[in-house]
Amino acid sequence: MKHFVNVKKFFSNEDGAVTVDWVVLTAAIVGLAIVAFNTIGDATSDMASDIASDIALQ
């Protein structure tokens, strides 16, 4: 009977599921940050090029 109690405790424990949730959420946040930094970096590079060409024309 004690064996079944241990099995029931094992299946009712949700610590592993919470860990998986945190890993998925962290991966999503890191992925979004990478996309944001790439987008901002490209826009900044384009803006710097435009400013440099405007300065060169003057």
PDB file of N, CA and C in Angstrom:
ATOM      1  N   MET A   1       0.822  -1.194   0.000  1.00  0.00           N
ATOM      2  CA  MET A   1       0.000   0.000   0.000  1.00  0.00           C
ATOM      3  C   MET A   1       0.870   1.263   0.000  1.00  0.00           C
ATOM      4  N   LYS A   2       2.000   1.208   0.707  1.00  0.00           N
ATOM      5  CA  LYS A   2       2.878   2.363   0.756  1.00  0.00           C
ATOM      6  C   LYS A   2       3.432   2.696  -0.632  1.00  0.00           C
ATOM      7  N   HIS A   3       3.632   1.679  -1.438  1.00  0.00           N
ATOM      8  CA  HIS A   3       4.132   1.880  -2.797  1.00  0.00           C
ATOM      9  C   HIS A   3       3.166   2.740  -3.601  1.00  0.00           C
ATOM     10  N   PHE A   4       1.880   2.505  -3.478  1.00  0.00           N
ATOM     11  CA  PHE A   4       0.888   3.280  -4.219  1.00  0.00           C
ATOM     12  C   PHE A   4       0.831   4.728  -3.744  1.00  0.00           C
ATOM     13  N   VAL A   5       1.090   4.957  -2.477  1.00  0.00           N
ATOM     14  CA  VAL A   5       1.125   6.325  -1.948  1.00  0.00           C
ATOM     15  C   VAL A   5       2.290   7.087  -2.570  1.00  0.00           C
ATOM     16  N   ASN A   6       3.432   6.430  -2.683  1.00  0.00           N
ATOM     17  CA  ASN A   6       4.596   7.068  -3.305  1.00  0.00           C
ATOM     18  C   ASN A   6       4.351   7.362  -4.777  1.00  0.00           C
ATOM     19  N   VAL A   7       3.707   6.448  -5.469  1.00  0.00           N
ATOM     20  CA  VAL A   7       3.385   6.660  -6.883  1.00  0.00           C
ATOM     21  C   VAL A   7       2.418   7.831  -7.035  1.00  0.00           C
ATOM     22  N   LYS A   8       1.437   7.901  -6.160  1.00  0.00           N
ATOM     23  CA  LYS A   8       0.470   8.997  -6.214  1.00  0.00           C
ATOM     24  C   LYS A   8       1.163  10.339  -5.963  1.00  0.00           C
ATOM     25  N   LYS A   9       2.088  10.388  -5.004  1.00  0.00           N
ATOM     26  CA  LYS A   9       2.842  11.610  -4.739  1.00  0.00           C
ATOM     27  C   LYS A   9       3.681  12.000  -5.952  1.00  0.00           C
ATOM     28  N   PHE A  10       4.283  10.996  -6.593  1.00  0.00           N
ATOM     29  CA  PHE A  10       5.119  11.262  -7.758  1.00  0.00           C
ATOM     30  C   PHE A  10       4.314  11.902  -8.884  1.00  0.00           C
ATOM     31  N   PHE A  11       3.141  11.380  -9.166  1.00  0.00           N
ATOM     32  CA  PHE A  11       2.330  11.912 -10.260  1.00  0.00           C
ATOM     33  C   PHE A  11       1.648  13.230  -9.905  1.00  0.00           C
ATOM     34  N   SER A  12       1.472  13.524  -8.631  1.00  0.00           N
ATOM     35  CA  SER A  12       0.851  14.792  -8.254  1.00  0.00           C
ATOM     36  C   SER A  12       1.870  15.922  -8.114  1.00  0.00           C
ATOM     37  N   ASN A  13       3.158  15.586  -8.109  1.00  0.00           N
ATOM     38  CA  ASN A  13       4.206  16.601  -8.001  1.00  0.00           C
ATOM     39  C   ASN A  13       4.311  17.352  -9.324  1.00  0.00           C
ATOM     40  N   GLU A  14       4.220  18.675  -9.297  1.00  0.00           N
ATOM     41  CA  GLU A  14       4.238  19.483 -10.513  1.00  0.00           C
ATOM     42  C   GLU A  14       5.481  20.350 -10.631  1.00  0.00           C
ATOM     43  N   ASP A  15       6.502  20.097  -9.838  1.00  0.00           N
ATOM     44  CA  ASP A  15       7.713  20.903  -9.898  1.00  0.00           C
ATOM     45  C   ASP A  15       8.367  20.853 -11.272  1.00  0.00           C
ATOM     46  N   GLY A  16       8.422  19.716 -11.892  1.00  0.00           N
ATOM     47  CA  GLY A  16       9.022  19.592 -13.209  1.00  0.00           C
ATOM     48  C   GLY A  16       8.252  20.358 -14.267  1.00  0.00           C
ATOM     49  N   ALA A  17       6.930  20.356 -14.181  1.00  0.00           N
ATOM     50  CA  ALA A  17       6.109  21.072 -15.153  1.00  0.00           C
ATOM     51  C   ALA A  17       6.334  22.571 -15.038  1.00  0.00           C
ATOM     52  N   VAL A  18       6.501  23.064 -13.836  1.00  0.00           N
ATOM     53  CA  VAL A  18       6.760  24.490 -13.641  1.00  0.00           C
ATOM     54  C   VAL A  18       8.115  24.858 -14.227  1.00  0.00           C
ATOM     55  N   THR A  19       9.089  23.989 -14.067  1.00  0.00           N
ATOM     56  CA  THR A  19      10.414  24.230 -14.633  1.00  0.00           C
ATOM     57  C   THR A  19      10.344  24.322 -16.146  1.00  0.00           C
ATOM     58  N   VAL A  20       9.602  23.430 -16.765  1.00  0.00           N
ATOM     59  CA  VAL A  20       9.445  23.454 -18.219  1.00  0.00           C
ATOM     60  C   VAL A  20       8.772  24.753 -18.652  1.00  0.00           C
ATOM     61  N   ASP A  21       7.771  25.201 -17.913  1.00  0.00           N
ATOM     62  CA  ASP A  21       7.107  26.466 -18.240  1.00  0.00           C
ATOM     63  C   ASP A  21       8.088  27.627 -18.198  1.00  0.00           C
ATOM     64  N   TRP A  22       8.922  27.666 -17.167  1.00  0.00           N
ATOM     65  CA  TRP A  22       9.888  28.759 -17.048  1.00  0.00           C
ATOM     66  C   TRP A  22      10.924  28.706 -18.173  1.00  0.00           C
ATOM     67  N   VAL A  23      11.337  27.525 -18.551  1.00  0.00           N
ATOM     68  CA  VAL A  23      12.312  27.396 -19.642  1.00  0.00           C
ATOM     69  C   VAL A  23      11.706  27.895 -20.941  1.00  0.00           C
ATOM     70  N   VAL A  24      10.460  27.537 -21.215  1.00  0.00           N
ATOM     71  CA  VAL A  24       9.793  27.982 -22.446  1.00  0.00           C
ATOM     72  C   VAL A  24       9.607  29.494 -22.436  1.00  0.00           C
ATOM     73  N   LEU A  25       9.173  30.054 -21.316  1.00  0.00           N
ATOM     74  CA  LEU A  25       8.998  31.501 -21.230  1.00  0.00           C
ATOM     75  C   LEU A  25      10.320  32.243 -21.389  1.00  0.00           C
ATOM     76  N   THR A  26      11.368  31.738 -20.777  1.00  0.00           N
ATOM     77  CA  THR A  26      12.680  32.370 -20.895  1.00  0.00           C
ATOM     78  C   THR A  26      13.192  32.310 -22.327  1.00  0.00           C
ATOM     79  N   ALA A  27      13.002  31.190 -22.988  1.00  0.00           N
ATOM     80  CA  ALA A  27      13.424  31.066 -24.385  1.00  0.00           C
ATOM     81  C   ALA A  27      12.654  32.033 -25.272  1.00  0.00           C
ATOM     82  N   ALA A  28      11.374  32.208 -25.011  1.00  0.00           N
ATOM     83  CA  ALA A  28      10.571  33.152 -25.800  1.00  0.00           C
ATOM     84  C   ALA A  28      11.054  34.578 -25.590  1.00  0.00           C
ATOM     85  N   ILE A  29      11.352  34.944 -24.363  1.00  0.00           N
ATOM     86  CA  ILE A  29      11.836  36.299 -24.075  1.00  0.00           C
ATOM     87  C   ILE A  29      13.193  36.535 -24.731  1.00  0.00           C
ATOM     88  N   VAL A  30      14.078  35.565 -24.665  1.00  0.00           N
ATOM     89  CA  VAL A  30      15.392  35.700 -25.295  1.00  0.00           C
ATOM     90  C   VAL A  30      15.240  35.822 -26.809  1.00  0.00           C
ATOM     91  N   GLY A  31      14.370  35.032 -27.397  1.00  0.00           N
ATOM     92  CA  GLY A  31      14.130  35.116 -28.837  1.00  0.00           C
ATOM     93  C   GLY A  31      13.589  36.476 -29.257  1.00  0.00           C
ATOM     94  N   LEU A  32      12.642  36.996 -28.501  1.00  0.00           N
ATOM     95  CA  LEU A  32      12.102  38.324 -28.807  1.00  0.00           C
ATOM     96  C   LEU A  32      13.158  39.405 -28.640  1.00  0.00           C
ATOM     97  N   ALA A  33      14.011  39.279 -27.640  1.00  0.00           N
ATOM     98  CA  ALA A  33      15.077  40.255 -27.441  1.00  0.00           C
ATOM     99  C   ALA A  33      16.061  40.239 -28.602  1.00  0.00           C
ATOM    100  N   ILE A  34      16.387  39.070 -29.104  1.00  0.00           N
ATOM    101  CA  ILE A  34      17.305  38.967 -30.244  1.00  0.00           C
ATOM    102  C   ILE A  34      16.702  39.641 -31.475  1.00  0.00           C
ATOM    103  N   VAL A  35      15.430  39.390 -31.719  1.00  0.00           N
ATOM    104  CA  VAL A  35      14.759  40.016 -32.863  1.00  0.00           C
ATOM    105  C   VAL A  35      14.732  41.532 -32.696  1.00  0.00           C
ATOM    106  N   ALA A  36      14.428  42.003 -31.490  1.00  0.00           N
ATOM    107  CA  ALA A  36      14.370  43.445 -31.246  1.00  0.00           C
ATOM    108  C   ALA A  36      15.740  44.085 -31.437  1.00  0.00           C
ATOM    109  N   PHE A  37      16.787  43.480 -30.904  1.00  0.00           N
ATOM    110  CA  PHE A  37      18.126  44.048 -31.046  1.00  0.00           C
ATOM    111  C   PHE A  37      18.572  44.071 -32.503  1.00  0.00           C
ATOM    112  N   ASN A  38      18.250  43.032 -33.259  1.00  0.00           N
ATOM    113  CA  ASN A  38      18.605  43.028 -34.684  1.00  0.00           C
ATOM    114  C   ASN A  38      17.867  44.123 -35.429  1.00  0.00           C
ATOM    115  N   THR A  39      16.600  44.302 -35.139  1.00  0.00           N
ATOM    116  CA  THR A  39      15.809  45.337 -35.807  1.00  0.00           C
ATOM    117  C   THR A  39      16.333  46.724 -35.449  1.00  0.00           C
ATOM    118  N   ILE A  40      16.588  46.954 -34.178  1.00  0.00           N
ATOM    119  CA  ILE A  40      17.108  48.252 -33.745  1.00  0.00           C
ATOM    120  C   ILE A  40      18.502  48.489 -34.324  1.00  0.00           C
ATOM    121  N   GLY A  41      19.319  47.464 -34.353  1.00  0.00           N
ATOM    122  CA  GLY A  41      20.673  47.590 -34.900  1.00  0.00           C
ATOM    123  C   GLY A  41      20.652  47.949 -36.376  1.00  0.00           C
ATOM    124  N   ASP A  42      19.782  47.309 -37.144  1.00  0.00           N
ATOM    125  CA  ASP A  42      19.682  47.621 -38.575  1.00  0.00           C
ATOM    126  C   ASP A  42      19.186  49.050 -38.792  1.00  0.00           C
ATOM    127  N   ALA A  43      18.189  49.454 -38.027  1.00  0.00           N
ATOM    128  CA  ALA A  43      17.661  50.803 -38.164  1.00  0.00           C
ATOM    129  C   ALA A  43      18.707  51.839 -37.763  1.00  0.00           C
ATOM    130  N   THR A  44      19.475  51.563 -36.735  1.00  0.00           N
ATOM    131  CA  THR A  44      20.515  52.488 -36.294  1.00  0.00           C
ATOM    132  C   THR A  44      21.620  52.596 -37.340  1.00  0.00           C
ATOM    133  N   SER A  45      21.969  51.494 -37.929  1.00  0.00           N
ATOM    134  CA  SER A  45      22.994  51.501 -38.974  1.00  0.00           C
ATOM    135  C   SER A  45      22.531  52.314 -40.181  1.00  0.00           C
ATOM    136  N   ASP A  46      21.290  52.122 -40.581  1.00  0.00           N
ATOM    137  CA  ASP A  46      20.752  52.888 -41.705  1.00  0.00           C
ATOM    138  C   ASP A  46      20.717  54.378 -41.385  1.00  0.00           C
ATOM    139  N   MET A  47      20.319  54.726 -40.177  1.00  0.00           N
ATOM    140  CA  MET A  47      20.251  56.124 -39.783  1.00  0.00           C
ATOM    141  C   MET A  47      21.647  56.745 -39.758  1.00  0.00           C
ATOM    142  N   ALA A  48      22.627  56.011 -39.276  1.00  0.00           N
ATOM    143  CA  ALA A  48      24.007  56.512 -39.237  1.00  0.00           C
ATOM    144  C   ALA A  48      24.529  56.741 -40.640  1.00  0.00           C
ATOM    145  N   SER A  49      24.197  55.856 -41.562  1.00  0.00           N
ATOM    146  CA  SER A  49      24.619  56.029 -42.953  1.00  0.00           C
ATOM    147  C   SER A  49      23.970  57.262 -43.569  1.00  0.00           C
ATOM    148  N   ASP A  50      22.680  57.469 -43.289  1.00  0.00           N
ATOM    149  CA  ASP A  50      21.998  58.647 -43.807  1.00  0.00           C
ATOM    150  C   ASP A  50      22.592  59.934 -43.247  1.00  0.00           C
ATOM    151  N   ILE A  51      22.902  59.953 -41.989  1.00  0.00           N
ATOM    152  CA  ILE A  51      23.501  61.143 -41.362  1.00  0.00           C
ATOM    153  C   ILE A  51      24.888  61.395 -41.938  1.00  0.00           C
ATOM    154  N   ALA A  52      25.659  60.320 -42.126  1.00  0.00           N
ATOM    155  CA  ALA A  52      27.008  60.483 -42.694  1.00  0.00           C
ATOM    156  C   ALA A  52      26.947  61.043 -44.111  1.00  0.00           C
ATOM    157  N   SER A  53      25.995  60.576 -44.918  1.00  0.00           N
ATOM    158  CA  SER A  53      25.888  61.102 -46.284  1.00  0.00           C
ATOM    159  C   SER A  53      25.399  62.547 -46.288  1.00  0.00           C
ATOM    160  N   ASP A  54      24.514  62.909 -45.357  1.00  0.00           N
ATOM    161  CA  ASP A  54      24.067  64.300 -45.259  1.00  0.00           C
ATOM    162  C   ASP A  54      25.217  65.218 -44.843  1.00  0.00           C
ATOM    163  N   ILE A  55      26.045  64.759 -43.934  1.00  0.00           N
ATOM    164  CA  ILE A  55      27.173  65.568 -43.489  1.00  0.00           C
ATOM    165  C   ILE A  55      28.187  65.717 -44.629  1.00  0.00           C
ATOM    166  N   ALA A  56      28.390  64.658 -45.398  1.00  0.00           N
ATOM    167  CA  ALA A  56      29.343  64.705 -46.509  1.00  0.00           C
ATOM    168  C   ALA A  56      28.893  65.672 -47.597  1.00  0.00           C
ATOM    169  N   LEU A  57      27.591  65.837 -47.768  1.00  0.00           N
ATOM    170  CA  LEU A  57      27.083  66.744 -48.808  1.00  0.00           C
ATOM    171  C   LEU A  57      27.246  68.213 -48.431  1.00  0.00           C
ATOM    172  N   GLN A  58      27.396  68.495 -47.173  1.00  0.00           N
ATOM    173  CA  GLN A  58      27.483  69.908 -46.749  1.00  0.00           C
ATOM    174  C   GLN A  58      28.866  70.382 -46.823  1.00  0.00           C
TER     175      GLN A  58
END
